Amino acid sequence: MKSIVMNQTLYDYLLSVSLREPDVLRALREEAASHSYGGMQIAPEQGQFMALLVELVGARNVLEIGVFTGYSSTRLALALPPEGRITACDINEEFTATARRHWQRAGVEDKIDLRLGPALDTLDGLIAEGRGGTYDLAFIDADKENYDGYYERALQLLRTGGLVLIDNVLWGGKVADPAMNDADTAAIRALNQKLHTDPRVSISLLPIADGLTLARKR
């Protein structure tokens, strides 16, 4: 038995019996959907699932690589305990200005430390600061060509038992099409293959939204 095909009727039913979305998140999602880059936004059921993972692993320190307009960071921050913190990495001031506005509306702005600049530099800086092994969960959803670099640094920053979440790993089905060899598709495909045999982690690739890989650091 393979995963069920999710048509619109079934997807609407799934949301109707599962999604618990605060008004601030719904407003953020609707605003992002009208954006020219709205397709970069994660699905609401994915955000809810990731928030549940935050609770399940007892996360206190979260690393986010790729903020966009802030839906995922807001959702994760709301799931964190009062002392929980997110280090959020992005390079786009315009997108993150929207995120900041919604963080404030949700009352989570004090939980989020936004680091503007190339994420690889930010992550290397965190490692240099001695932050290795201090994060409980990392979410990667940024430029695809650097996914492997983000993954390697996230592993260094996570504690043993910490969880890496990697978005867009099915990439609209392109990863399974041998005719698709653009740089983004090739990068995701290569990381998927690497994760499949990486002894440092336990993994599961879930067909949620555009594909989400969970990798637990051993």
N, C-alpha and C. Protein backbone atom coordinates (compact mmCIF):
# COMPACT_ATOMS: atom_id res chain seq x y z
N MET A 1 0.84 -1.19 0.00
CA MET A 1 0.00 0.00 0.00
C MET A 1 0.88 1.24 0.00
N LYS A 2 0.75 2.06 -1.03
CA LYS A 2 1.54 3.29 -1.08
C LYS A 2 0.72 4.45 -0.52
N SER A 3 1.38 5.61 -0.35
CA SER A 3 0.70 6.79 0.17
C SER A 3 -0.45 7.17 -0.76
N ILE A 4 -1.54 7.60 -0.17
CA ILE A 4 -2.73 7.95 -0.92
C ILE A 4 -2.50 9.22 -1.75
N VAL A 5 -3.09 9.26 -2.94
CA VAL A 5 -3.02 10.46 -3.77
C VAL A 5 -3.94 11.51 -3.15
N MET A 6 -3.42 12.71 -2.96
CA MET A 6 -4.16 13.76 -2.27
C MET A 6 -4.81 14.70 -3.29
N ASN A 7 -6.05 14.42 -3.66
CA ASN A 7 -6.76 15.37 -4.53
C ASN A 7 -7.31 16.52 -3.69
N GLN A 8 -7.88 17.53 -4.34
CA GLN A 8 -8.31 18.73 -3.62
C GLN A 8 -9.39 18.43 -2.59
N THR A 9 -10.33 17.55 -2.94
CA THR A 9 -11.41 17.22 -2.01
C THR A 9 -10.87 16.59 -0.75
N LEU A 10 -9.95 15.65 -0.92
CA LEU A 10 -9.38 14.98 0.25
C LEU A 10 -8.49 15.92 1.04
N TYR A 11 -7.75 16.79 0.34
CA TYR A 11 -6.90 17.76 1.03
C TYR A 11 -7.75 18.72 1.87
N ASP A 12 -8.85 19.18 1.31
CA ASP A 12 -9.75 20.07 2.06
C ASP A 12 -10.29 19.35 3.29
N TYR A 13 -10.62 18.07 3.15
CA TYR A 13 -11.09 17.29 4.30
C TYR A 13 -10.00 17.18 5.37
N LEU A 14 -8.78 16.89 4.92
CA LEU A 14 -7.66 16.80 5.86
C LEU A 14 -7.54 18.07 6.68
N LEU A 15 -7.58 19.22 6.00
CA LEU A 15 -7.47 20.48 6.73
C LEU A 15 -8.64 20.68 7.68
N SER A 16 -9.83 20.26 7.27
CA SER A 16 -11.03 20.52 8.07
C SER A 16 -11.05 19.75 9.37
N VAL A 17 -10.36 18.59 9.42
CA VAL A 17 -10.38 17.78 10.64
C VAL A 17 -9.05 17.79 11.38
N SER A 18 -8.02 18.47 10.82
CA SER A 18 -6.71 18.44 11.45
C SER A 18 -6.14 19.82 11.75
N LEU A 19 -6.28 20.76 10.83
CA LEU A 19 -5.56 22.02 10.97
C LEU A 19 -6.11 22.87 12.11
N ARG A 20 -5.21 23.25 13.00
CA ARG A 20 -5.51 24.22 14.06
C ARG A 20 -4.58 25.41 13.82
N GLU A 21 -5.10 26.42 13.18
CA GLU A 21 -4.27 27.54 12.73
C GLU A 21 -4.72 28.84 13.39
N PRO A 22 -3.91 29.41 14.28
CA PRO A 22 -4.26 30.69 14.89
C PRO A 22 -4.49 31.77 13.83
N ASP A 23 -5.31 32.74 14.17
CA ASP A 23 -5.65 33.80 13.22
C ASP A 23 -4.42 34.51 12.68
N VAL A 24 -3.42 34.73 13.52
CA VAL A 24 -2.22 35.44 13.08
C VAL A 24 -1.49 34.65 12.00
N LEU A 25 -1.50 33.32 12.10
CA LEU A 25 -0.86 32.50 11.08
C LEU A 25 -1.68 32.45 9.81
N ARG A 26 -2.99 32.41 9.96
CA ARG A 26 -3.84 32.41 8.76
C ARG A 26 -3.66 33.72 7.99
N ALA A 27 -3.59 34.82 8.71
CA ALA A 27 -3.40 36.12 8.05
C ALA A 27 -2.05 36.18 7.35
N LEU A 28 -1.03 35.64 7.99
CA LEU A 28 0.30 35.62 7.41
C LEU A 28 0.31 34.78 6.13
N ARG A 29 -0.31 33.61 6.20
CA ARG A 29 -0.35 32.71 5.05
C ARG A 29 -1.09 33.34 3.88
N GLU A 30 -2.20 34.00 4.17
CA GLU A 30 -2.97 34.63 3.11
C GLU A 30 -2.21 35.79 2.48
N GLU A 31 -1.48 36.53 3.31
CA GLU A 31 -0.66 37.62 2.77
C GLU A 31 0.45 37.07 1.88
N ALA A 32 1.12 36.02 2.33
CA ALA A 32 2.21 35.43 1.56
C ALA A 32 1.71 34.85 0.25
N ALA A 33 0.49 34.30 0.26
CA ALA A 33 -0.06 33.68 -0.95
C ALA A 33 -0.25 34.68 -2.08
N SER A 34 -0.45 35.95 -1.72
CA SER A 34 -0.63 36.98 -2.74
C SER A 34 0.70 37.53 -3.26
N HIS A 35 1.79 37.10 -2.65
CA HIS A 35 3.12 37.55 -3.03
C HIS A 35 3.56 36.86 -4.31
N SER A 36 4.38 37.53 -5.11
CA SER A 36 4.87 36.92 -6.35
C SER A 36 5.70 35.67 -6.09
N TYR A 37 6.27 35.57 -4.90
CA TYR A 37 7.03 34.39 -4.51
C TYR A 37 6.26 33.52 -3.53
N GLY A 38 4.94 33.60 -3.59
CA GLY A 38 4.09 32.90 -2.63
C GLY A 38 4.30 31.40 -2.59
N GLY A 39 4.78 30.82 -3.69
CA GLY A 39 5.02 29.39 -3.72
C GLY A 39 6.12 28.93 -2.79
N MET A 40 6.88 29.87 -2.25
CA MET A 40 7.95 29.52 -1.32
C MET A 40 7.41 29.21 0.08
N GLN A 41 6.16 29.57 0.32
CA GLN A 41 5.57 29.39 1.65
C GLN A 41 5.28 27.93 1.93
N ILE A 42 5.58 27.46 3.13
CA ILE A 42 5.26 26.08 3.48
C ILE A 42 3.75 25.93 3.64
N ALA A 43 3.27 24.70 3.49
CA ALA A 43 1.85 24.40 3.66
C ALA A 43 1.48 24.46 5.14
N PRO A 44 0.23 24.84 5.45
CA PRO A 44 -0.15 24.98 6.86
C PRO A 44 -0.09 23.67 7.63
N GLU A 45 -0.44 22.56 6.99
CA GLU A 45 -0.39 21.27 7.70
C GLU A 45 1.06 20.87 7.97
N GLN A 46 1.98 21.29 7.11
CA GLN A 46 3.40 21.04 7.37
C GLN A 46 3.87 21.85 8.57
N GLY A 47 3.47 23.10 8.63
CA GLY A 47 3.83 23.92 9.78
C GLY A 47 3.32 23.34 11.08
N GLN A 48 2.08 22.86 11.07
CA GLN A 48 1.52 22.26 12.27
C GLN A 48 2.28 20.99 12.66
N PHE A 49 2.66 20.20 11.67
CA PHE A 49 3.43 18.99 11.95
C PHE A 49 4.79 19.34 12.56
N MET A 50 5.45 20.34 12.02
CA MET A 50 6.76 20.72 12.54
C MET A 50 6.63 21.27 13.97
N ALA A 51 5.56 21.99 14.24
CA ALA A 51 5.33 22.48 15.61
C ALA A 51 5.16 21.32 16.58
N LEU A 52 4.47 20.28 16.13
CA LEU A 52 4.32 19.09 16.96
C LEU A 52 5.68 18.45 17.23
N LEU A 53 6.55 18.43 16.22
CA LEU A 53 7.89 17.88 16.42
C LEU A 53 8.68 18.68 17.45
N VAL A 54 8.53 19.99 17.43
CA VAL A 54 9.16 20.84 18.45
C VAL A 54 8.74 20.39 19.84
N GLU A 55 7.46 20.13 20.00
CA GLU A 55 6.96 19.68 21.30
C GLU A 55 7.47 18.27 21.64
N LEU A 56 7.48 17.38 20.65
CA LEU A 56 7.88 16.00 20.89
C LEU A 56 9.34 15.87 21.30
N VAL A 57 10.22 16.69 20.70
CA VAL A 57 11.64 16.58 21.05
C VAL A 57 11.99 17.49 22.23
N GLY A 58 11.01 18.24 22.74
CA GLY A 58 11.28 19.14 23.86
C GLY A 58 12.25 20.24 23.49
N ALA A 59 12.12 20.76 22.29
CA ALA A 59 13.08 21.74 21.79
C ALA A 59 13.07 23.03 22.60
N ARG A 60 14.25 23.56 22.81
CA ARG A 60 14.44 24.87 23.43
C ARG A 60 15.19 25.80 22.47
N ASN A 61 16.10 25.24 21.71
CA ASN A 61 16.89 26.02 20.75
C ASN A 61 16.68 25.48 19.35
N VAL A 62 16.19 26.35 18.46
CA VAL A 62 15.84 25.96 17.10
C VAL A 62 16.64 26.81 16.12
N LEU A 63 17.07 26.18 15.02
CA LEU A 63 17.79 26.85 13.96
C LEU A 63 16.93 26.82 12.71
N GLU A 64 16.68 27.99 12.12
CA GLU A 64 15.93 28.05 10.87
C GLU A 64 16.80 28.64 9.78
N ILE A 65 16.91 27.93 8.66
CA ILE A 65 17.71 28.39 7.53
C ILE A 65 16.74 28.67 6.39
N GLY A 66 16.41 29.94 6.21
CA GLY A 66 15.41 30.35 5.23
C GLY A 66 14.14 30.78 5.94
N VAL A 67 13.89 32.08 5.99
CA VAL A 67 12.76 32.63 6.75
C VAL A 67 11.57 32.96 5.86
N PHE A 68 11.83 33.52 4.68
CA PHE A 68 10.80 34.07 3.79
C PHE A 68 9.97 35.07 4.60
N THR A 69 8.65 34.97 4.61
CA THR A 69 7.81 35.94 5.32
C THR A 69 7.45 35.51 6.73
N GLY A 70 8.02 34.40 7.19
CA GLY A 70 7.95 34.09 8.61
C GLY A 70 6.90 33.10 9.08
N TYR A 71 6.25 32.38 8.16
CA TYR A 71 5.22 31.45 8.62
C TYR A 71 5.82 30.35 9.48
N SER A 72 6.88 29.70 9.00
CA SER A 72 7.45 28.59 9.75
C SER A 72 8.04 29.04 11.08
N SER A 73 8.75 30.15 11.08
CA SER A 73 9.35 30.63 12.33
C SER A 73 8.29 31.03 13.34
N THR A 74 7.20 31.64 12.86
CA THR A 74 6.12 32.00 13.78
C THR A 74 5.47 30.75 14.35
N ARG A 75 5.21 29.78 13.50
CA ARG A 75 4.59 28.53 13.95
C ARG A 75 5.48 27.82 14.96
N LEU A 76 6.77 27.75 14.69
CA LEU A 76 7.69 27.07 15.61
C LEU A 76 7.85 27.84 16.91
N ALA A 77 7.92 29.17 16.81
CA ALA A 77 8.08 29.98 18.02
C ALA A 77 6.87 29.84 18.95
N LEU A 78 5.70 29.75 18.37
CA LEU A 78 4.49 29.57 19.19
C LEU A 78 4.50 28.23 19.91
N ALA A 79 5.18 27.23 19.33
CA ALA A 79 5.25 25.91 19.95
C ALA A 79 6.34 25.81 21.01
N LEU A 80 7.28 26.73 21.00
CA LEU A 80 8.38 26.71 21.97
C LEU A 80 7.90 27.16 23.35
N PRO A 81 8.57 26.69 24.40
CA PRO A 81 8.27 27.21 25.74
C PRO A 81 8.74 28.65 25.85
N PRO A 82 8.36 29.36 26.92
CA PRO A 82 8.72 30.78 27.04
C PRO A 82 10.21 31.07 26.91
N GLU A 83 11.04 30.15 27.35
CA GLU A 83 12.49 30.38 27.27
C GLU A 83 13.08 29.93 25.94
N GLY A 84 12.27 29.36 25.06
CA GLY A 84 12.76 28.86 23.78
C GLY A 84 13.20 29.98 22.85
N ARG A 85 14.17 29.68 22.01
CA ARG A 85 14.70 30.67 21.09
C ARG A 85 14.95 30.05 19.71
N ILE A 86 14.76 30.87 18.66
CA ILE A 86 15.04 30.49 17.29
C ILE A 86 16.13 31.39 16.74
N THR A 87 17.16 30.80 16.17
CA THR A 87 18.14 31.55 15.38
C THR A 87 17.71 31.43 13.93
N ALA A 88 17.28 32.54 13.34
CA ALA A 88 16.69 32.53 12.00
C ALA A 88 17.65 33.17 11.01
N CYS A 89 17.98 32.43 9.95
CA CYS A 89 18.95 32.90 8.95
C CYS A 89 18.25 33.23 7.63
N ASP A 90 18.51 34.41 7.11
CA ASP A 90 17.99 34.79 5.80
C ASP A 90 18.86 35.90 5.25
N ILE A 91 18.65 36.18 3.97
CA ILE A 91 19.46 37.21 3.30
C ILE A 91 18.61 38.35 2.78
N ASN A 92 17.28 38.20 2.83
CA ASN A 92 16.38 39.15 2.18
C ASN A 92 15.71 40.07 3.20
N GLU A 93 16.05 41.34 3.18
CA GLU A 93 15.50 42.30 4.14
C GLU A 93 14.02 42.55 3.90
N GLU A 94 13.59 42.55 2.63
CA GLU A 94 12.19 42.82 2.32
C GLU A 94 11.28 41.71 2.87
N PHE A 95 11.63 40.46 2.58
CA PHE A 95 10.81 39.34 3.07
C PHE A 95 10.78 39.30 4.59
N THR A 96 11.96 39.48 5.21
CA THR A 96 12.03 39.36 6.66
C THR A 96 11.40 40.55 7.38
N ALA A 97 11.23 41.68 6.69
CA ALA A 97 10.48 42.79 7.30
C ALA A 97 9.02 42.37 7.52
N THR A 98 8.48 41.63 6.57
CA THR A 98 7.13 41.08 6.74
C THR A 98 7.11 40.09 7.89
N ALA A 99 8.14 39.24 7.96
CA ALA A 99 8.23 38.27 9.05
C ALA A 99 8.26 38.97 10.40
N ARG A 100 9.06 40.02 10.52
CA ARG A 100 9.17 40.75 11.78
C ARG A 100 7.81 41.30 12.23
N ARG A 101 7.06 41.81 11.26
CA ARG A 101 5.74 42.37 11.57
C ARG A 101 4.81 41.29 12.14
N HIS A 102 4.87 40.11 11.56
CA HIS A 102 3.99 39.04 12.04
C HIS A 102 4.52 38.42 13.34
N TRP A 103 5.83 38.39 13.52
CA TRP A 103 6.37 37.93 14.81
C TRP A 103 5.84 38.82 15.93
N GLN A 104 5.80 40.12 15.66
CA GLN A 104 5.31 41.05 16.67
C GLN A 104 3.84 40.83 16.94
N ARG A 105 3.06 40.64 15.88
CA ARG A 105 1.63 40.40 16.03
C ARG A 105 1.36 39.13 16.84
N ALA A 106 2.21 38.12 16.63
CA ALA A 106 2.03 36.85 17.33
C ALA A 106 2.63 36.86 18.74
N GLY A 107 3.35 37.93 19.07
CA GLY A 107 3.96 38.04 20.39
C GLY A 107 5.17 37.14 20.58
N VAL A 108 5.87 36.81 19.48
CA VAL A 108 7.02 35.91 19.58
C VAL A 108 8.33 36.57 19.16
N GLU A 109 8.31 37.90 18.94
CA GLU A 109 9.50 38.56 18.42
C GLU A 109 10.71 38.40 19.34
N ASP A 110 10.48 38.29 20.66
CA ASP A 110 11.58 38.14 21.60
C ASP A 110 12.20 36.74 21.56
N LYS A 111 11.50 35.80 20.91
CA LYS A 111 12.02 34.44 20.81
C LYS A 111 12.92 34.24 19.58
N ILE A 112 12.95 35.21 18.68
CA ILE A 112 13.59 35.00 17.39
C ILE A 112 14.76 35.96 17.20
N ASP A 113 15.92 35.38 16.95
CA ASP A 113 17.14 36.13 16.68
C ASP A 113 17.40 36.04 15.18
N LEU A 114 17.06 37.09 14.44
CA LEU A 114 17.23 37.11 12.99
C LEU A 114 18.66 37.49 12.64
N ARG A 115 19.32 36.64 11.85
CA ARG A 115 20.68 36.89 11.38
C ARG A 115 20.61 37.11 9.87
N LEU A 116 20.74 38.37 9.43
CA LEU A 116 20.71 38.68 8.01
C LEU A 116 22.10 38.55 7.41
N GLY A 117 22.18 37.81 6.31
CA GLY A 117 23.46 37.59 5.64
C GLY A 117 23.49 36.19 5.06
N PRO A 118 24.50 35.86 4.28
CA PRO A 118 24.61 34.51 3.73
C PRO A 118 24.58 33.47 4.84
N ALA A 119 23.68 32.51 4.73
CA ALA A 119 23.46 31.57 5.83
C ALA A 119 24.70 30.73 6.13
N LEU A 120 25.46 30.36 5.11
CA LEU A 120 26.67 29.57 5.38
C LEU A 120 27.63 30.34 6.28
N ASP A 121 27.74 31.65 6.06
CA ASP A 121 28.59 32.48 6.91
C ASP A 121 28.04 32.53 8.33
N THR A 122 26.72 32.68 8.44
CA THR A 122 26.09 32.72 9.76
C THR A 122 26.32 31.42 10.51
N LEU A 123 26.13 30.30 9.83
CA LEU A 123 26.30 29.00 10.47
C LEU A 123 27.75 28.77 10.88
N ASP A 124 28.67 29.15 10.02
CA ASP A 124 30.09 29.02 10.38
C ASP A 124 30.41 29.90 11.59
N GLY A 125 29.78 31.06 11.65
CA GLY A 125 29.98 31.94 12.79
C GLY A 125 29.45 31.32 14.08
N LEU A 126 28.30 30.68 14.01
CA LEU A 126 27.74 30.02 15.19
C LEU A 126 28.66 28.89 15.67
N ILE A 127 29.20 28.15 14.72
CA ILE A 127 30.13 27.07 15.08
C ILE A 127 31.38 27.66 15.74
N ALA A 128 31.88 28.76 15.17
CA ALA A 128 33.07 29.41 15.73
C ALA A 128 32.81 29.96 17.12
N GLU A 129 31.56 30.36 17.39
CA GLU A 129 31.18 30.87 18.72
C GLU A 129 31.06 29.77 19.76
N GLY A 130 31.20 28.52 19.34
CA GLY A 130 31.08 27.41 20.28
C GLY A 130 29.66 26.91 20.45
N ARG A 131 28.80 27.18 19.46
CA ARG A 131 27.40 26.76 19.56
C ARG A 131 27.17 25.34 19.07
N GLY A 132 28.20 24.66 18.68
CA GLY A 132 28.06 23.27 18.23
C GLY A 132 27.43 22.41 19.31
N GLY A 133 26.51 21.53 18.90
CA GLY A 133 25.86 20.61 19.83
C GLY A 133 24.85 21.25 20.76
N THR A 134 24.40 22.48 20.46
CA THR A 134 23.50 23.17 21.39
C THR A 134 22.07 23.32 20.87
N TYR A 135 21.84 22.97 19.62
CA TYR A 135 20.49 23.12 19.05
C TYR A 135 19.73 21.79 19.09
N ASP A 136 18.44 21.91 19.27
CA ASP A 136 17.59 20.72 19.36
C ASP A 136 16.94 20.36 18.03
N LEU A 137 16.70 21.35 17.20
CA LEU A 137 16.00 21.14 15.93
C LEU A 137 16.45 22.19 14.93
N ALA A 138 16.60 21.77 13.67
CA ALA A 138 16.96 22.68 12.59
C ALA A 138 16.02 22.47 11.42
N PHE A 139 15.60 23.57 10.79
CA PHE A 139 14.72 23.51 9.62
C PHE A 139 15.43 24.17 8.45
N ILE A 140 15.62 23.42 7.37
CA ILE A 140 16.32 23.92 6.18
C ILE A 140 15.31 24.13 5.06
N ASP A 141 15.19 25.38 4.63
CA ASP A 141 14.26 25.73 3.54
C ASP A 141 14.77 26.99 2.86
N ALA A 142 15.90 26.86 2.19
CA ALA A 142 16.54 28.03 1.56
C ALA A 142 17.00 27.64 0.17
N ASP A 143 18.00 28.34 -0.38
CA ASP A 143 18.47 28.05 -1.73
C ASP A 143 18.98 26.62 -1.82
N LYS A 144 18.52 25.93 -2.85
CA LYS A 144 18.73 24.48 -2.92
C LYS A 144 20.17 24.08 -3.21
N GLU A 145 20.89 24.89 -3.96
CA GLU A 145 22.26 24.53 -4.30
C GLU A 145 23.16 24.42 -3.08
N ASN A 146 22.79 25.10 -1.99
CA ASN A 146 23.59 25.05 -0.76
C ASN A 146 23.02 24.09 0.28
N TYR A 147 22.06 23.27 -0.11
CA TYR A 147 21.43 22.37 0.86
C TYR A 147 22.44 21.46 1.57
N ASP A 148 23.39 20.91 0.83
CA ASP A 148 24.35 20.02 1.46
C ASP A 148 25.19 20.76 2.51
N GLY A 149 25.61 21.98 2.17
CA GLY A 149 26.37 22.78 3.13
C GLY A 149 25.55 23.11 4.36
N TYR A 150 24.29 23.42 4.17
CA TYR A 150 23.41 23.71 5.31
C TYR A 150 23.24 22.46 6.19
N TYR A 151 23.06 21.33 5.54
CA TYR A 151 22.88 20.08 6.27
C TYR A 151 24.11 19.75 7.11
N GLU A 152 25.29 19.85 6.51
CA GLU A 152 26.51 19.51 7.24
C GLU A 152 26.70 20.42 8.45
N ARG A 153 26.43 21.69 8.29
CA ARG A 153 26.60 22.62 9.41
C ARG A 153 25.52 22.42 10.46
N ALA A 154 24.30 22.12 10.01
CA ALA A 154 23.23 21.85 10.97
C ALA A 154 23.57 20.66 11.84
N LEU A 155 24.17 19.62 11.24
CA LEU A 155 24.57 18.46 12.03
C LEU A 155 25.57 18.83 13.11
N GLN A 156 26.50 19.71 12.77
CA GLN A 156 27.47 20.15 13.78
C GLN A 156 26.81 20.92 14.91
N LEU A 157 25.80 21.70 14.57
CA LEU A 157 25.16 22.56 15.56
C LEU A 157 24.13 21.82 16.41
N LEU A 158 23.63 20.69 15.92
CA LEU A 158 22.64 19.92 16.67
C LEU A 158 23.27 19.07 17.76
N ARG A 159 22.55 18.88 18.83
CA ARG A 159 22.93 17.93 19.86
C ARG A 159 22.65 16.51 19.36
N THR A 160 23.25 15.53 20.00
CA THR A 160 22.89 14.15 19.73
C THR A 160 21.41 13.95 20.04
N GLY A 161 20.69 13.35 19.11
CA GLY A 161 19.25 13.20 19.27
C GLY A 161 18.46 14.35 18.68
N GLY A 162 19.17 15.40 18.22
CA GLY A 162 18.50 16.53 17.60
C GLY A 162 17.98 16.16 16.21
N LEU A 163 17.09 16.99 15.71
CA LEU A 163 16.37 16.68 14.48
C LEU A 163 16.59 17.75 13.42
N VAL A 164 16.95 17.30 12.21
CA VAL A 164 17.01 18.19 11.05
C VAL A 164 15.78 17.95 10.20
N LEU A 165 15.09 19.02 9.82
CA LEU A 165 13.95 18.95 8.90
C LEU A 165 14.38 19.63 7.60
N ILE A 166 14.24 18.93 6.49
CA ILE A 166 14.68 19.45 5.20
C ILE A 166 13.50 19.52 4.26
N ASP A 167 13.18 20.72 3.78
CA ASP A 167 11.99 20.94 2.97
C ASP A 167 12.28 20.75 1.48
N ASN A 168 11.22 20.54 0.71
CA ASN A 168 11.26 20.49 -0.77
C ASN A 168 12.07 19.32 -1.32
N VAL A 169 12.14 18.23 -0.58
CA VAL A 169 13.00 17.13 -1.02
C VAL A 169 12.39 16.31 -2.16
N LEU A 170 11.10 16.52 -2.47
CA LEU A 170 10.51 15.88 -3.65
C LEU A 170 10.46 16.83 -4.84
N TRP A 171 10.59 18.12 -4.57
CA TRP A 171 10.81 19.16 -5.59
C TRP A 171 9.83 19.04 -6.76
N GLY A 172 8.55 18.93 -6.40
CA GLY A 172 7.53 18.86 -7.43
C GLY A 172 7.63 17.65 -8.33
N GLY A 173 8.33 16.61 -7.88
CA GLY A 173 8.52 15.40 -8.66
C GLY A 173 9.74 15.42 -9.55
N LYS A 174 10.42 16.55 -9.65
CA LYS A 174 11.56 16.65 -10.56
C LYS A 174 12.70 15.72 -10.18
N VAL A 175 12.86 15.44 -8.89
CA VAL A 175 13.98 14.59 -8.46
C VAL A 175 13.88 13.18 -9.01
N ALA A 176 12.66 12.76 -9.36
CA ALA A 176 12.46 11.41 -9.90
C ALA A 176 12.49 11.37 -11.42
N ASP A 177 12.69 12.51 -12.03
CA ASP A 177 12.70 12.60 -13.49
C ASP A 177 14.14 12.74 -13.97
N PRO A 178 14.70 11.69 -14.60
CA PRO A 178 16.10 11.74 -15.02
C PRO A 178 16.39 12.81 -16.06
N ALA A 179 15.35 13.34 -16.70
CA ALA A 179 15.55 14.39 -17.70
C ALA A 179 15.77 15.75 -17.05
N MET A 180 15.49 15.86 -15.77
CA MET A 180 15.63 17.13 -15.05
C MET A 180 17.00 17.18 -14.38
N ASN A 181 17.86 18.06 -14.86
CA ASN A 181 19.23 18.14 -14.33
C ASN A 181 19.67 19.57 -14.06
N ASP A 182 18.72 20.46 -13.81
CA ASP A 182 19.10 21.82 -13.43
C ASP A 182 19.79 21.78 -12.07
N ALA A 183 20.45 22.87 -11.72
CA ALA A 183 21.30 22.89 -10.53
C ALA A 183 20.52 22.60 -9.25
N ASP A 184 19.32 23.17 -9.12
CA ASP A 184 18.54 22.97 -7.90
C ASP A 184 18.11 21.51 -7.76
N THR A 185 17.57 20.96 -8.85
CA THR A 185 17.13 19.57 -8.83
C THR A 185 18.29 18.64 -8.54
N ALA A 186 19.42 18.88 -9.18
CA ALA A 186 20.60 18.03 -8.98
C ALA A 186 21.07 18.09 -7.52
N ALA A 187 21.01 19.27 -6.92
CA ALA A 187 21.46 19.42 -5.54
C ALA A 187 20.56 18.66 -4.58
N ILE A 188 19.25 18.76 -4.78
CA ILE A 188 18.31 18.05 -3.90
C ILE A 188 18.45 16.55 -4.09
N ARG A 189 18.53 16.12 -5.35
CA ARG A 189 18.67 14.69 -5.64
C ARG A 189 19.94 14.13 -4.99
N ALA A 190 21.03 14.88 -5.07
CA ALA A 190 22.29 14.41 -4.47
C ALA A 190 22.18 14.32 -2.96
N LEU A 191 21.52 15.28 -2.34
CA LEU A 191 21.38 15.22 -0.88
C LEU A 191 20.47 14.08 -0.47
N ASN A 192 19.40 13.85 -1.23
CA ASN A 192 18.52 12.71 -0.92
C ASN A 192 19.30 11.40 -0.94
N GLN A 193 20.14 11.23 -1.97
CA GLN A 193 20.95 10.02 -2.06
C GLN A 193 21.93 9.92 -0.90
N LYS A 194 22.53 11.04 -0.55
CA LYS A 194 23.49 11.05 0.56
C LYS A 194 22.81 10.67 1.88
N LEU A 195 21.65 11.25 2.13
CA LEU A 195 20.92 10.98 3.36
C LEU A 195 20.52 9.51 3.47
N HIS A 196 20.21 8.92 2.34
CA HIS A 196 19.76 7.53 2.34
C HIS A 196 20.77 6.59 2.98
N THR A 197 22.05 6.91 2.85
CA THR A 197 23.10 6.02 3.38
C THR A 197 23.98 6.68 4.44
N ASP A 198 23.57 7.83 4.94
CA ASP A 198 24.40 8.55 5.92
C ASP A 198 24.27 7.88 7.29
N PRO A 199 25.33 7.26 7.80
CA PRO A 199 25.24 6.55 9.08
C PRO A 199 25.11 7.46 10.29
N ARG A 200 25.29 8.76 10.08
CA ARG A 200 25.23 9.70 11.22
C ARG A 200 23.81 10.00 11.66
N VAL A 201 22.83 9.62 10.83
CA VAL A 201 21.44 10.00 11.12
C VAL A 201 20.51 8.82 10.87
N SER A 202 19.36 8.88 11.53
CA SER A 202 18.21 8.03 11.19
C SER A 202 17.26 8.92 10.40
N ILE A 203 16.66 8.39 9.32
CA ILE A 203 15.89 9.26 8.44
C ILE A 203 14.51 8.71 8.10
N SER A 204 13.65 9.64 7.69
CA SER A 204 12.38 9.30 7.05
C SER A 204 12.00 10.45 6.14
N LEU A 205 11.73 10.14 4.87
CA LEU A 205 11.26 11.14 3.92
C LEU A 205 9.75 11.02 3.82
N LEU A 206 9.06 12.09 4.17
CA LEU A 206 7.60 12.06 4.21
C LEU A 206 7.01 12.81 3.01
N PRO A 207 5.96 12.25 2.38
CA PRO A 207 5.32 12.93 1.25
C PRO A 207 4.30 13.96 1.72
N ILE A 208 4.75 14.89 2.55
CA ILE A 208 3.91 15.98 3.02
C ILE A 208 4.31 17.24 2.27
N ALA A 209 3.32 17.97 1.76
CA ALA A 209 3.57 19.17 0.95
C ALA A 209 4.54 18.81 -0.19
N ASP A 210 5.70 19.46 -0.28
CA ASP A 210 6.65 19.20 -1.36
C ASP A 210 7.74 18.22 -0.94
N GLY A 211 7.46 17.43 0.10
CA GLY A 211 8.43 16.47 0.61
C GLY A 211 9.22 17.03 1.77
N LEU A 212 9.23 16.32 2.89
CA LEU A 212 9.93 16.76 4.09
C LEU A 212 10.72 15.59 4.65
N THR A 213 12.03 15.74 4.73
CA THR A 213 12.88 14.71 5.32
C THR A 213 13.15 15.03 6.78
N LEU A 214 13.00 14.02 7.63
CA LEU A 214 13.36 14.10 9.04
C LEU A 214 14.64 13.30 9.20
N ALA A 215 15.67 13.92 9.77
CA ALA A 215 16.93 13.23 10.02
C ALA A 215 17.33 13.47 11.46
N ARG A 216 17.38 12.39 12.25
CA ARG A 216 17.73 12.48 13.67
C ARG A 216 19.20 12.16 13.84
N LYS A 217 19.93 13.08 14.47
CA LYS A 217 21.36 12.90 14.68
C LYS A 217 21.61 11.80 15.70
N ARG A 218 22.41 10.84 15.31
CA ARG A 218 22.73 9.72 16.20
C ARG A 218 23.85 10.08 17.16
